Amino acid sequence: MPKQRLARRAFRYAARLTLRGLLRLTTRLRLEGLQNIPPSNAAILAFNHLGHLDPLLVSAFSPRAPEFITLADLLNVPGTSLALRAYGIILIHREEYDRQVIRAALDVLNRGDLLALAPEARQSPSATLEKGHEGAAYLALKSGAPIVPVGITGTQNVFGAWRKHQRPEIGMTVGAPFHLSAQPGTLRREALEAAHTVIMQHIAQLLPVEYRGYWI
């Protein structure tokens, strides 16, 4: 196994272990449905996006380290660039269609690994679920991998709470995996939109009503 791959595995193991401890110590954490994340084989974790903590939360408590599709903008956030590069991520540029990103994501799924992404493709400024984009639906239909919906709450408040030396309440609820299938005779665009709707509705059902936003 190449040295870079060994180093990445070691970093992921240490980082995820450390994150689990820190999050349990500094937040009032509620976790539900972790058993729904498949321990093996390909799957797509699709989560709502409230704040910078979301991917850290997903990574820390998943039974295996996911591969993330992440906005390249995060490399400009102080203190995150080195950690993201050490973890290893698939970078995507905002509002751009990138064939290399699609190929890299499909490679992850073809290897039987876990892929994580936020269909909203950005942090929701209203802390409610936005309409989102069809990327997760496309990858699921193309690869045949199941979608595992994830609902996150409270992470939009963590940094403000920490500045006040408080332990904010955050939660992550994982729903049951499900497969998408395009209806025979539907146009590609219609099939993508329908599949995306199913994904977002599954995520919304894991959230309190006040978080459901567009998908209430």
N, C-alpha and C. Protein backbone atom coordinates (compact mmCIF):
# COMPACT_ATOMS: atom_id res chain seq x y z
N MET A 1 0.85 -1.20 0.00
CA MET A 1 0.00 0.00 0.00
C MET A 1 0.89 1.25 0.00
N PRO A 2 0.67 2.22 -0.89
CA PRO A 2 1.51 3.41 -0.95
C PRO A 2 1.55 4.15 0.38
N LYS A 3 2.69 4.81 0.64
CA LYS A 3 2.86 5.51 1.90
C LYS A 3 1.80 6.59 2.10
N GLN A 4 1.44 7.29 1.01
CA GLN A 4 0.44 8.36 1.13
C GLN A 4 -0.90 7.80 1.59
N ARG A 5 -1.27 6.62 1.08
CA ARG A 5 -2.53 6.01 1.46
C ARG A 5 -2.50 5.57 2.92
N LEU A 6 -1.36 5.00 3.35
CA LEU A 6 -1.22 4.62 4.75
C LEU A 6 -1.31 5.83 5.67
N ALA A 7 -0.64 6.92 5.27
CA ALA A 7 -0.67 8.14 6.08
C ALA A 7 -2.08 8.70 6.16
N ARG A 8 -2.82 8.63 5.05
CA ARG A 8 -4.20 9.13 5.05
C ARG A 8 -5.08 8.30 5.97
N ARG A 9 -4.94 6.98 5.91
CA ARG A 9 -5.73 6.11 6.78
C ARG A 9 -5.42 6.39 8.25
N ALA A 10 -4.14 6.59 8.56
CA ALA A 10 -3.75 6.87 9.94
C ALA A 10 -4.32 8.20 10.41
N PHE A 11 -4.26 9.22 9.53
CA PHE A 11 -4.81 10.53 9.89
C PHE A 11 -6.31 10.44 10.12
N ARG A 12 -7.02 9.74 9.23
CA ARG A 12 -8.47 9.62 9.37
C ARG A 12 -8.83 8.92 10.68
N TYR A 13 -8.12 7.86 10.99
CA TYR A 13 -8.41 7.13 12.23
C TYR A 13 -8.22 8.04 13.45
N ALA A 14 -7.09 8.73 13.49
CA ALA A 14 -6.80 9.60 14.63
C ALA A 14 -7.76 10.78 14.70
N ALA A 15 -8.05 11.37 13.55
CA ALA A 15 -8.93 12.55 13.51
C ALA A 15 -10.34 12.19 13.94
N ARG A 16 -10.85 11.07 13.46
CA ARG A 16 -12.22 10.67 13.79
C ARG A 16 -12.33 10.30 15.27
N LEU A 17 -11.32 9.64 15.80
CA LEU A 17 -11.31 9.29 17.22
C LEU A 17 -11.29 10.54 18.09
N THR A 18 -10.45 11.50 17.70
CA THR A 18 -10.35 12.75 18.44
C THR A 18 -11.66 13.53 18.38
N LEU A 19 -12.24 13.60 17.19
CA LEU A 19 -13.50 14.33 17.02
C LEU A 19 -14.61 13.75 17.87
N ARG A 20 -14.69 12.41 17.92
CA ARG A 20 -15.73 11.79 18.73
C ARG A 20 -15.61 12.22 20.19
N GLY A 21 -14.39 12.22 20.70
CA GLY A 21 -14.18 12.63 22.08
C GLY A 21 -14.52 14.09 22.30
N LEU A 22 -14.05 14.95 21.41
CA LEU A 22 -14.28 16.39 21.57
C LEU A 22 -15.76 16.74 21.47
N LEU A 23 -16.46 16.14 20.54
CA LEU A 23 -17.88 16.45 20.37
C LEU A 23 -18.70 15.97 21.56
N ARG A 24 -18.36 14.81 22.10
CA ARG A 24 -19.07 14.34 23.29
C ARG A 24 -18.78 15.23 24.49
N LEU A 25 -17.59 15.79 24.54
CA LEU A 25 -17.19 16.63 25.67
C LEU A 25 -17.78 18.04 25.58
N THR A 26 -17.86 18.59 24.37
CA THR A 26 -18.19 20.02 24.22
C THR A 26 -19.62 20.28 23.75
N THR A 27 -20.38 19.24 23.48
CA THR A 27 -21.78 19.42 23.07
C THR A 27 -22.67 18.46 23.83
N ARG A 28 -23.96 18.76 23.79
CA ARG A 28 -24.96 17.79 24.25
C ARG A 28 -25.44 17.07 23.00
N LEU A 29 -24.91 15.89 22.80
CA LEU A 29 -24.99 15.20 21.53
C LEU A 29 -26.10 14.14 21.54
N ARG A 30 -26.91 14.16 20.49
CA ARG A 30 -27.95 13.14 20.31
C ARG A 30 -27.72 12.45 18.98
N LEU A 31 -27.54 11.13 19.04
CA LEU A 31 -27.30 10.33 17.84
C LEU A 31 -28.37 9.25 17.73
N GLU A 32 -28.96 9.12 16.56
CA GLU A 32 -29.98 8.09 16.33
C GLU A 32 -29.76 7.43 14.97
N GLY A 33 -29.97 6.14 14.92
CA GLY A 33 -29.98 5.42 13.65
C GLY A 33 -28.62 5.13 13.04
N LEU A 34 -27.53 5.20 13.83
CA LEU A 34 -26.21 4.94 13.24
C LEU A 34 -26.11 3.54 12.63
N GLN A 35 -26.92 2.62 13.15
CA GLN A 35 -26.91 1.25 12.61
C GLN A 35 -27.41 1.20 11.17
N ASN A 36 -28.03 2.28 10.69
CA ASN A 36 -28.52 2.31 9.32
C ASN A 36 -27.42 2.57 8.29
N ILE A 37 -26.23 2.99 8.75
CA ILE A 37 -25.11 3.20 7.82
C ILE A 37 -24.49 1.84 7.52
N PRO A 38 -24.50 1.40 6.26
CA PRO A 38 -23.99 0.07 5.93
C PRO A 38 -22.52 -0.09 6.34
N PRO A 39 -22.17 -1.19 7.02
CA PRO A 39 -20.78 -1.39 7.44
C PRO A 39 -19.86 -1.76 6.29
N SER A 40 -20.44 -2.11 5.14
CA SER A 40 -19.65 -2.43 3.96
C SER A 40 -20.47 -2.10 2.72
N ASN A 41 -19.80 -2.13 1.58
CA ASN A 41 -20.42 -1.85 0.27
C ASN A 41 -20.72 -0.36 0.08
N ALA A 42 -20.95 -0.01 -1.15
CA ALA A 42 -21.15 1.39 -1.52
C ALA A 42 -22.45 1.95 -0.96
N ALA A 43 -22.41 3.22 -0.57
CA ALA A 43 -23.61 3.93 -0.14
C ALA A 43 -23.30 5.43 -0.19
N ILE A 44 -24.37 6.21 -0.30
CA ILE A 44 -24.24 7.68 -0.35
C ILE A 44 -24.94 8.26 0.87
N LEU A 45 -24.17 8.92 1.74
CA LEU A 45 -24.75 9.64 2.87
C LEU A 45 -25.14 11.03 2.39
N ALA A 46 -26.43 11.34 2.42
CA ALA A 46 -26.94 12.64 1.98
C ALA A 46 -27.46 13.39 3.19
N PHE A 47 -26.80 14.49 3.56
CA PHE A 47 -27.15 15.20 4.79
C PHE A 47 -27.50 16.66 4.51
N ASN A 48 -28.35 17.23 5.38
CA ASN A 48 -28.63 18.66 5.29
C ASN A 48 -27.44 19.44 5.85
N HIS A 49 -27.30 20.69 5.41
CA HIS A 49 -26.06 21.43 5.70
C HIS A 49 -26.38 22.73 6.43
N LEU A 50 -26.03 22.76 7.72
CA LEU A 50 -26.29 23.94 8.57
C LEU A 50 -25.03 24.73 8.88
N GLY A 51 -23.88 24.05 8.98
CA GLY A 51 -22.67 24.75 9.39
C GLY A 51 -21.42 23.94 9.12
N HIS A 52 -20.25 24.54 9.42
CA HIS A 52 -18.97 23.90 9.16
C HIS A 52 -18.81 22.58 9.91
N LEU A 53 -19.53 22.41 11.01
CA LEU A 53 -19.38 21.21 11.82
C LEU A 53 -20.01 19.96 11.20
N ASP A 54 -20.92 20.15 10.25
CA ASP A 54 -21.70 19.02 9.72
C ASP A 54 -20.85 17.87 9.20
N PRO A 55 -19.91 18.11 8.28
CA PRO A 55 -19.12 16.97 7.79
C PRO A 55 -18.25 16.34 8.88
N LEU A 56 -17.82 17.14 9.84
CA LEU A 56 -17.04 16.59 10.95
C LEU A 56 -17.89 15.65 11.78
N LEU A 57 -19.13 16.03 12.01
CA LEU A 57 -20.06 15.21 12.77
C LEU A 57 -20.34 13.90 12.03
N VAL A 58 -20.59 13.99 10.73
CA VAL A 58 -20.87 12.80 9.92
C VAL A 58 -19.66 11.88 9.91
N SER A 59 -18.49 12.45 9.71
CA SER A 59 -17.27 11.64 9.67
C SER A 59 -16.98 10.97 11.00
N ALA A 60 -17.13 11.71 12.09
CA ALA A 60 -16.76 11.21 13.41
C ALA A 60 -17.57 9.99 13.81
N PHE A 61 -18.86 9.98 13.49
CA PHE A 61 -19.73 8.94 14.02
C PHE A 61 -20.20 7.91 12.99
N SER A 62 -19.71 8.04 11.76
CA SER A 62 -19.96 6.97 10.79
C SER A 62 -19.10 5.77 11.18
N PRO A 63 -19.61 4.53 10.99
CA PRO A 63 -18.83 3.35 11.35
C PRO A 63 -17.58 3.17 10.49
N ARG A 64 -17.51 3.83 9.36
CA ARG A 64 -16.29 3.82 8.54
C ARG A 64 -16.12 5.20 7.92
N ALA A 65 -14.89 5.54 7.60
CA ALA A 65 -14.59 6.90 7.15
C ALA A 65 -15.18 7.16 5.77
N PRO A 66 -16.06 8.15 5.64
CA PRO A 66 -16.62 8.46 4.32
C PRO A 66 -15.64 9.28 3.49
N GLU A 67 -15.83 9.21 2.19
CA GLU A 67 -15.18 10.14 1.27
C GLU A 67 -16.17 11.29 1.07
N PHE A 68 -15.67 12.53 1.10
CA PHE A 68 -16.54 13.70 1.03
C PHE A 68 -16.36 14.45 -0.28
N ILE A 69 -17.47 14.93 -0.82
CA ILE A 69 -17.44 15.96 -1.86
C ILE A 69 -17.61 17.29 -1.15
N THR A 70 -16.63 18.17 -1.30
CA THR A 70 -16.58 19.40 -0.51
C THR A 70 -16.29 20.60 -1.40
N LEU A 71 -16.91 21.72 -1.10
CA LEU A 71 -16.65 22.94 -1.85
C LEU A 71 -15.20 23.39 -1.69
N ALA A 72 -14.59 23.76 -2.80
CA ALA A 72 -13.20 24.22 -2.77
C ALA A 72 -13.04 25.47 -1.91
N ASP A 73 -14.14 26.21 -1.70
CA ASP A 73 -14.10 27.42 -0.86
C ASP A 73 -13.55 27.12 0.53
N LEU A 74 -13.78 25.90 1.02
CA LEU A 74 -13.37 25.57 2.38
C LEU A 74 -11.86 25.58 2.55
N LEU A 75 -11.13 25.46 1.45
CA LEU A 75 -9.67 25.52 1.56
C LEU A 75 -9.20 26.92 1.95
N ASN A 76 -10.09 27.89 1.83
CA ASN A 76 -9.75 29.27 2.22
C ASN A 76 -10.13 29.59 3.66
N VAL A 77 -10.80 28.64 4.34
CA VAL A 77 -11.17 28.86 5.74
C VAL A 77 -9.95 28.62 6.61
N PRO A 78 -9.56 29.59 7.45
CA PRO A 78 -8.35 29.43 8.27
C PRO A 78 -8.36 28.14 9.09
N GLY A 79 -7.24 27.41 9.01
CA GLY A 79 -7.09 26.22 9.84
C GLY A 79 -7.66 24.95 9.26
N THR A 80 -8.39 25.05 8.13
CA THR A 80 -9.02 23.85 7.59
C THR A 80 -8.28 23.23 6.41
N SER A 81 -7.51 24.03 5.69
CA SER A 81 -6.90 23.55 4.45
C SER A 81 -6.01 22.33 4.68
N LEU A 82 -5.11 22.41 5.64
CA LEU A 82 -4.19 21.29 5.89
C LEU A 82 -4.94 20.04 6.32
N ALA A 83 -5.95 20.22 7.18
CA ALA A 83 -6.72 19.07 7.67
C ALA A 83 -7.49 18.42 6.53
N LEU A 84 -8.11 19.23 5.65
CA LEU A 84 -8.87 18.68 4.53
C LEU A 84 -7.97 17.92 3.56
N ARG A 85 -6.79 18.47 3.31
CA ARG A 85 -5.86 17.82 2.39
C ARG A 85 -5.33 16.52 3.00
N ALA A 86 -5.09 16.52 4.31
CA ALA A 86 -4.61 15.32 4.97
C ALA A 86 -5.68 14.23 4.98
N TYR A 87 -6.95 14.63 5.17
CA TYR A 87 -8.05 13.66 5.17
C TYR A 87 -8.26 13.08 3.78
N GLY A 88 -8.17 13.97 2.77
CA GLY A 88 -8.42 13.55 1.40
C GLY A 88 -9.88 13.75 1.04
N ILE A 89 -10.15 14.69 0.16
CA ILE A 89 -11.52 15.03 -0.21
C ILE A 89 -11.62 15.21 -1.72
N ILE A 90 -12.85 15.18 -2.21
CA ILE A 90 -13.13 15.49 -3.61
C ILE A 90 -13.60 16.93 -3.65
N LEU A 91 -12.83 17.78 -4.29
CA LEU A 91 -13.15 19.21 -4.33
C LEU A 91 -14.05 19.55 -5.50
N ILE A 92 -15.03 20.38 -5.22
CA ILE A 92 -15.91 20.87 -6.28
C ILE A 92 -16.02 22.39 -6.16
N HIS A 93 -16.05 23.06 -7.30
CA HIS A 93 -16.16 24.52 -7.32
C HIS A 93 -17.63 24.92 -7.41
N ARG A 94 -17.98 25.93 -6.68
CA ARG A 94 -19.37 26.37 -6.56
C ARG A 94 -19.99 26.64 -7.94
N GLU A 95 -21.20 26.07 -8.13
CA GLU A 95 -22.00 26.29 -9.33
C GLU A 95 -21.31 25.86 -10.62
N GLU A 96 -20.36 24.91 -10.53
CA GLU A 96 -19.69 24.41 -11.72
C GLU A 96 -19.95 22.92 -11.89
N TYR A 97 -20.16 22.50 -13.13
CA TYR A 97 -20.28 21.07 -13.42
C TYR A 97 -18.89 20.58 -13.79
N ASP A 98 -18.39 19.60 -13.07
CA ASP A 98 -17.03 19.13 -13.24
C ASP A 98 -17.05 17.61 -13.46
N ARG A 99 -16.69 17.19 -14.66
CA ARG A 99 -16.69 15.76 -14.97
C ARG A 99 -15.71 14.99 -14.10
N GLN A 100 -14.60 15.62 -13.74
CA GLN A 100 -13.60 14.94 -12.89
C GLN A 100 -14.19 14.63 -11.52
N VAL A 101 -15.00 15.54 -11.00
CA VAL A 101 -15.65 15.30 -9.71
C VAL A 101 -16.60 14.11 -9.81
N ILE A 102 -17.38 14.07 -10.89
CA ILE A 102 -18.32 12.97 -11.10
C ILE A 102 -17.56 11.65 -11.20
N ARG A 103 -16.47 11.63 -11.97
CA ARG A 103 -15.69 10.41 -12.12
C ARG A 103 -15.10 9.97 -10.79
N ALA A 104 -14.57 10.94 -10.03
CA ALA A 104 -13.97 10.60 -8.73
C ALA A 104 -15.02 10.04 -7.78
N ALA A 105 -16.21 10.64 -7.78
CA ALA A 105 -17.28 10.16 -6.89
C ALA A 105 -17.73 8.76 -7.29
N LEU A 106 -17.87 8.52 -8.59
CA LEU A 106 -18.28 7.19 -9.05
C LEU A 106 -17.20 6.15 -8.76
N ASP A 107 -15.94 6.56 -8.82
CA ASP A 107 -14.85 5.65 -8.48
C ASP A 107 -14.96 5.20 -7.01
N VAL A 108 -15.30 6.15 -6.13
CA VAL A 108 -15.49 5.82 -4.72
C VAL A 108 -16.56 4.75 -4.56
N LEU A 109 -17.68 4.96 -5.24
CA LEU A 109 -18.81 4.03 -5.13
C LEU A 109 -18.49 2.68 -5.79
N ASN A 110 -17.77 2.72 -6.90
CA ASN A 110 -17.41 1.47 -7.57
C ASN A 110 -16.44 0.64 -6.74
N ARG A 111 -15.68 1.29 -5.86
CA ARG A 111 -14.79 0.56 -4.94
C ARG A 111 -15.55 -0.05 -3.77
N GLY A 112 -16.82 0.33 -3.63
CA GLY A 112 -17.60 -0.16 -2.50
C GLY A 112 -17.43 0.68 -1.26
N ASP A 113 -17.00 1.94 -1.44
CA ASP A 113 -16.77 2.82 -0.29
C ASP A 113 -17.99 3.71 -0.02
N LEU A 114 -17.86 4.48 1.05
CA LEU A 114 -18.94 5.37 1.50
C LEU A 114 -18.66 6.78 1.01
N LEU A 115 -19.65 7.40 0.37
CA LEU A 115 -19.54 8.76 -0.13
C LEU A 115 -20.52 9.64 0.63
N ALA A 116 -20.07 10.82 1.07
CA ALA A 116 -20.93 11.74 1.81
C ALA A 116 -20.97 13.09 1.11
N LEU A 117 -22.17 13.67 1.02
CA LEU A 117 -22.32 15.00 0.43
C LEU A 117 -23.62 15.63 0.90
N ALA A 118 -23.67 16.95 0.78
CA ALA A 118 -24.88 17.71 1.11
C ALA A 118 -25.55 18.12 -0.19
N PRO A 119 -26.74 17.60 -0.49
CA PRO A 119 -27.42 17.97 -1.75
C PRO A 119 -27.67 19.47 -1.89
N GLU A 120 -27.72 20.19 -0.76
CA GLU A 120 -27.92 21.64 -0.85
C GLU A 120 -26.70 22.35 -1.43
N ALA A 121 -25.52 21.72 -1.31
CA ALA A 121 -24.26 22.23 -1.86
C ALA A 121 -23.79 23.54 -1.22
N ARG A 122 -24.38 23.88 -0.09
CA ARG A 122 -23.91 25.04 0.66
C ARG A 122 -24.58 25.00 2.04
N GLN A 123 -24.05 25.81 2.97
CA GLN A 123 -24.71 25.95 4.26
C GLN A 123 -25.98 26.77 4.07
N SER A 124 -27.07 26.29 4.64
CA SER A 124 -28.33 27.01 4.52
C SER A 124 -28.29 28.27 5.38
N PRO A 125 -28.43 29.47 4.79
CA PRO A 125 -28.39 30.71 5.57
C PRO A 125 -29.57 30.85 6.53
N SER A 126 -30.65 30.13 6.26
CA SER A 126 -31.84 30.20 7.12
C SER A 126 -31.91 29.05 8.12
N ALA A 127 -30.90 28.17 8.06
CA ALA A 127 -30.87 26.97 8.92
C ALA A 127 -32.09 26.07 8.66
N THR A 128 -32.63 26.15 7.45
CA THR A 128 -33.72 25.25 7.04
C THR A 128 -33.33 24.59 5.73
N LEU A 129 -33.96 23.48 5.43
CA LEU A 129 -33.62 22.69 4.27
C LEU A 129 -33.98 23.42 2.97
N GLU A 130 -32.98 23.60 2.11
CA GLU A 130 -33.20 24.30 0.84
C GLU A 130 -33.58 23.31 -0.26
N LYS A 131 -33.91 23.84 -1.43
CA LYS A 131 -34.32 22.97 -2.54
C LYS A 131 -33.22 22.01 -2.92
N GLY A 132 -31.98 22.48 -2.98
CA GLY A 132 -30.85 21.62 -3.27
C GLY A 132 -30.63 21.35 -4.75
N HIS A 133 -29.64 20.50 -5.02
CA HIS A 133 -29.25 20.16 -6.38
C HIS A 133 -29.30 18.64 -6.58
N GLU A 134 -29.26 18.22 -7.83
CA GLU A 134 -29.51 16.82 -8.17
C GLU A 134 -28.28 15.92 -8.17
N GLY A 135 -27.14 16.41 -7.66
CA GLY A 135 -25.91 15.62 -7.72
C GLY A 135 -26.01 14.27 -7.06
N ALA A 136 -26.56 14.21 -5.86
CA ALA A 136 -26.69 12.94 -5.15
C ALA A 136 -27.60 11.99 -5.92
N ALA A 137 -28.67 12.53 -6.50
CA ALA A 137 -29.59 11.70 -7.28
C ALA A 137 -28.90 11.13 -8.51
N TYR A 138 -28.12 11.95 -9.19
CA TYR A 138 -27.40 11.47 -10.38
C TYR A 138 -26.45 10.34 -10.01
N LEU A 139 -25.67 10.53 -8.95
CA LEU A 139 -24.69 9.51 -8.55
C LEU A 139 -25.38 8.21 -8.14
N ALA A 140 -26.51 8.33 -7.45
CA ALA A 140 -27.23 7.13 -7.02
C ALA A 140 -27.81 6.38 -8.20
N LEU A 141 -28.41 7.11 -9.15
CA LEU A 141 -28.98 6.46 -10.33
C LEU A 141 -27.90 5.85 -11.22
N LYS A 142 -26.79 6.54 -11.33
CA LYS A 142 -25.69 6.07 -12.18
C LYS A 142 -25.00 4.85 -11.61
N SER A 143 -24.80 4.83 -10.29
CA SER A 143 -24.02 3.77 -9.65
C SER A 143 -24.87 2.62 -9.12
N GLY A 144 -26.15 2.90 -8.83
CA GLY A 144 -26.99 1.90 -8.18
C GLY A 144 -26.79 1.83 -6.69
N ALA A 145 -25.97 2.72 -6.13
CA ALA A 145 -25.72 2.71 -4.68
C ALA A 145 -26.94 3.24 -3.93
N PRO A 146 -27.21 2.73 -2.73
CA PRO A 146 -28.33 3.23 -1.95
C PRO A 146 -28.03 4.60 -1.36
N ILE A 147 -29.07 5.35 -1.12
CA ILE A 147 -28.99 6.62 -0.39
C ILE A 147 -29.26 6.35 1.08
N VAL A 148 -28.42 6.94 1.93
CA VAL A 148 -28.67 6.90 3.38
C VAL A 148 -28.94 8.35 3.82
N PRO A 149 -30.19 8.71 4.12
CA PRO A 149 -30.50 10.10 4.50
C PRO A 149 -30.04 10.39 5.91
N VAL A 150 -29.53 11.61 6.11
CA VAL A 150 -29.03 12.04 7.42
C VAL A 150 -29.61 13.42 7.74
N GLY A 151 -30.23 13.54 8.89
CA GLY A 151 -30.78 14.82 9.34
C GLY A 151 -29.95 15.36 10.50
N ILE A 152 -29.48 16.58 10.34
CA ILE A 152 -28.62 17.22 11.36
C ILE A 152 -29.34 18.43 11.93
N THR A 153 -29.24 18.61 13.23
CA THR A 153 -29.85 19.78 13.90
C THR A 153 -28.85 20.42 14.85
N GLY A 154 -28.98 21.73 15.02
CA GLY A 154 -28.25 22.45 16.05
C GLY A 154 -26.85 22.91 15.71
N THR A 155 -26.27 22.44 14.63
CA THR A 155 -24.87 22.79 14.36
C THR A 155 -24.68 24.24 13.94
N GLN A 156 -25.77 24.90 13.55
CA GLN A 156 -25.66 26.31 13.20
C GLN A 156 -25.37 27.18 14.43
N ASN A 157 -25.56 26.62 15.63
CA ASN A 157 -25.41 27.41 16.86
C ASN A 157 -24.13 27.13 17.63
N VAL A 158 -23.31 26.17 17.14
CA VAL A 158 -22.23 25.68 18.00
C VAL A 158 -21.17 26.73 18.31
N PHE A 159 -20.73 27.48 17.33
CA PHE A 159 -19.62 28.39 17.57
C PHE A 159 -20.02 29.54 18.48
N GLY A 160 -21.25 30.03 18.32
CA GLY A 160 -21.74 31.06 19.22
C GLY A 160 -21.83 30.55 20.65
N ALA A 161 -22.30 29.31 20.79
CA ALA A 161 -22.42 28.72 22.13
C ALA A 161 -21.05 28.50 22.75
N TRP A 162 -20.11 28.02 21.96
CA TRP A 162 -18.76 27.78 22.50
C TRP A 162 -18.11 29.08 22.95
N ARG A 163 -18.35 30.17 22.22
CA ARG A 163 -17.78 31.46 22.63
C ARG A 163 -18.32 31.89 23.99
N LYS A 164 -19.52 31.42 24.33
CA LYS A 164 -20.12 31.73 25.63
C LYS A 164 -19.85 30.63 26.67
N HIS A 165 -18.95 29.70 26.28
CA HIS A 165 -18.58 28.58 27.17
C HIS A 165 -19.79 27.71 27.51
N GLN A 166 -20.65 27.51 26.52
CA GLN A 166 -21.82 26.66 26.68
C GLN A 166 -21.65 25.39 25.85
N ARG A 167 -22.41 24.34 26.23
CA ARG A 167 -22.42 23.09 25.47
C ARG A 167 -23.71 23.04 24.66
N PRO A 168 -23.65 23.36 23.36
CA PRO A 168 -24.88 23.40 22.55
C PRO A 168 -25.43 21.99 22.32
N GLU A 169 -26.72 21.93 22.11
CA GLU A 169 -27.37 20.67 21.78
C GLU A 169 -27.34 20.46 20.28
N ILE A 170 -26.76 19.36 19.83
CA ILE A 170 -26.74 19.04 18.41
C ILE A 170 -27.23 17.60 18.22
N GLY A 171 -27.72 17.31 17.04
CA GLY A 171 -28.24 15.96 16.80
C GLY A 171 -27.97 15.49 15.39
N MET A 172 -27.86 14.18 15.25
CA MET A 172 -27.73 13.56 13.93
C MET A 172 -28.59 12.30 13.92
N THR A 173 -29.54 12.27 12.99
CA THR A 173 -30.43 11.13 12.84
C THR A 173 -30.22 10.52 11.47
N VAL A 174 -29.95 9.22 11.45
CA VAL A 174 -29.69 8.51 10.20
C VAL A 174 -30.89 7.64 9.86
N GLY A 175 -31.41 7.82 8.66
CA GLY A 175 -32.56 7.04 8.23
C GLY A 175 -32.16 5.74 7.54
N ALA A 176 -33.13 4.93 7.23
CA ALA A 176 -32.88 3.65 6.57
C ALA A 176 -32.42 3.86 5.12
N PRO A 177 -31.48 3.05 4.65
CA PRO A 177 -31.04 3.16 3.25
C PRO A 177 -32.19 2.84 2.29
N PHE A 178 -32.17 3.47 1.12
CA PHE A 178 -33.16 3.17 0.10
C PHE A 178 -32.52 3.34 -1.28
N HIS A 179 -33.06 2.64 -2.26
CA HIS A 179 -32.57 2.73 -3.63
C HIS A 179 -33.51 3.59 -4.48
N LEU A 180 -32.92 4.27 -5.43
CA LEU A 180 -33.68 5.07 -6.38
C LEU A 180 -33.80 4.29 -7.68
N SER A 181 -34.89 4.52 -8.38
CA SER A 181 -35.04 3.91 -9.71
C SER A 181 -35.81 4.87 -10.59
N ALA A 182 -35.32 5.04 -11.81
CA ALA A 182 -36.01 5.92 -12.76
C ALA A 182 -37.21 5.19 -13.34
N GLN A 183 -38.32 5.88 -13.46
CA GLN A 183 -39.52 5.29 -14.04
C GLN A 183 -39.32 5.09 -15.55
N PRO A 184 -39.70 3.93 -16.08
CA PRO A 184 -39.55 3.70 -17.52
C PRO A 184 -40.27 4.78 -18.33
N GLY A 185 -39.59 5.26 -19.35
CA GLY A 185 -40.22 6.23 -20.24
C GLY A 185 -40.06 7.68 -19.81
N THR A 186 -39.53 7.92 -18.60
CA THR A 186 -39.36 9.31 -18.16
C THR A 186 -38.11 9.90 -18.78
N LEU A 187 -38.14 11.20 -19.04
CA LEU A 187 -36.99 11.89 -19.59
C LEU A 187 -35.91 11.99 -18.52
N ARG A 188 -34.66 12.09 -18.95
CA ARG A 188 -33.54 12.12 -18.01
C ARG A 188 -33.70 13.24 -16.98
N ARG A 189 -34.07 14.42 -17.44
CA ARG A 189 -34.22 15.56 -16.53
C ARG A 189 -35.34 15.30 -15.52
N GLU A 190 -36.45 14.76 -16.01
CA GLU A 190 -37.57 14.47 -15.12
C GLU A 190 -37.20 13.39 -14.10
N ALA A 191 -36.46 12.38 -14.55
CA ALA A 191 -36.05 11.31 -13.65
C ALA A 191 -35.13 11.84 -12.55
N LEU A 192 -34.21 12.73 -12.92
CA LEU A 192 -33.31 13.32 -11.93
C LEU A 192 -34.08 14.15 -10.91
N GLU A 193 -34.99 14.97 -11.39
CA GLU A 193 -35.78 15.82 -10.48
C GLU A 193 -36.63 14.97 -9.53
N ALA A 194 -37.22 13.90 -10.06
CA ALA A 194 -38.05 13.04 -9.23
C ALA A 194 -37.20 12.34 -8.17
N ALA A 195 -36.02 11.86 -8.58
CA ALA A 195 -35.13 11.19 -7.64
C ALA A 195 -34.63 12.16 -6.56
N HIS A 196 -34.31 13.37 -6.99
CA HIS A 196 -33.86 14.40 -6.03
C HIS A 196 -34.96 14.70 -5.01
N THR A 197 -36.19 14.79 -5.49
CA THR A 197 -37.32 15.05 -4.59
C THR A 197 -37.44 13.96 -3.53
N VAL A 198 -37.27 12.71 -3.95
CA VAL A 198 -37.35 11.60 -3.00
C VAL A 198 -36.27 11.72 -1.94
N ILE A 199 -35.05 12.04 -2.37
CA ILE A 199 -33.95 12.18 -1.41
C ILE A 199 -34.24 13.28 -0.39
N MET A 200 -34.65 14.44 -0.87
CA MET A 200 -34.87 15.58 0.03
C MET A 200 -36.05 15.32 0.97
N GLN A 201 -37.06 14.62 0.49
CA GLN A 201 -38.19 14.29 1.35
C GLN A 201 -37.77 13.33 2.47
N HIS A 202 -36.89 12.40 2.15
CA HIS A 202 -36.39 11.49 3.18
C HIS A 202 -35.57 12.24 4.23
N ILE A 203 -34.74 13.18 3.78
CA ILE A 203 -33.98 13.98 4.75
C ILE A 203 -34.93 14.81 5.60
N ALA A 204 -35.91 15.44 4.96
CA ALA A 204 -36.86 16.29 5.69
C ALA A 204 -37.59 15.52 6.78
N GLN A 205 -37.93 14.27 6.51
CA GLN A 205 -38.67 13.49 7.49
C GLN A 205 -37.84 13.20 8.75
N LEU A 206 -36.53 13.35 8.66
CA LEU A 206 -35.66 13.13 9.81
C LEU A 206 -35.48 14.39 10.65
N LEU A 207 -36.01 15.51 10.17
CA LEU A 207 -35.81 16.81 10.82
C LEU A 207 -37.09 17.30 11.51
N PRO A 208 -36.94 18.07 12.59
CA PRO A 208 -38.11 18.74 13.15
C PRO A 208 -38.73 19.67 12.10
N VAL A 209 -40.01 19.95 12.24
CA VAL A 209 -40.73 20.74 11.24
C VAL A 209 -40.05 22.07 10.97
N GLU A 210 -39.52 22.71 12.01
CA GLU A 210 -38.92 24.03 11.83
C GLU A 210 -37.63 24.01 11.00
N TYR A 211 -37.08 22.84 10.74
CA TYR A 211 -35.87 22.71 9.94
C TYR A 211 -36.17 22.33 8.49
N ARG A 212 -37.41 22.03 8.15
CA ARG A 212 -37.70 21.41 6.85
C ARG A 212 -37.74 22.40 5.70
N GLY A 213 -37.95 23.66 5.98
CA GLY A 213 -37.85 24.70 4.96
C GLY A 213 -38.63 24.44 3.70
N TYR A 214 -37.95 24.40 2.55
CA TYR A 214 -38.58 24.21 1.24
C TYR A 214 -39.37 22.92 1.19
N TRP A 215 -38.97 21.91 1.99
CA TRP A 215 -39.54 20.57 1.90
C TRP A 215 -40.55 20.29 3.00
N ILE A 216 -41.13 21.34 3.56
CA ILE A 216 -42.11 21.14 4.64
C ILE A 216 -43.39 20.50 4.10
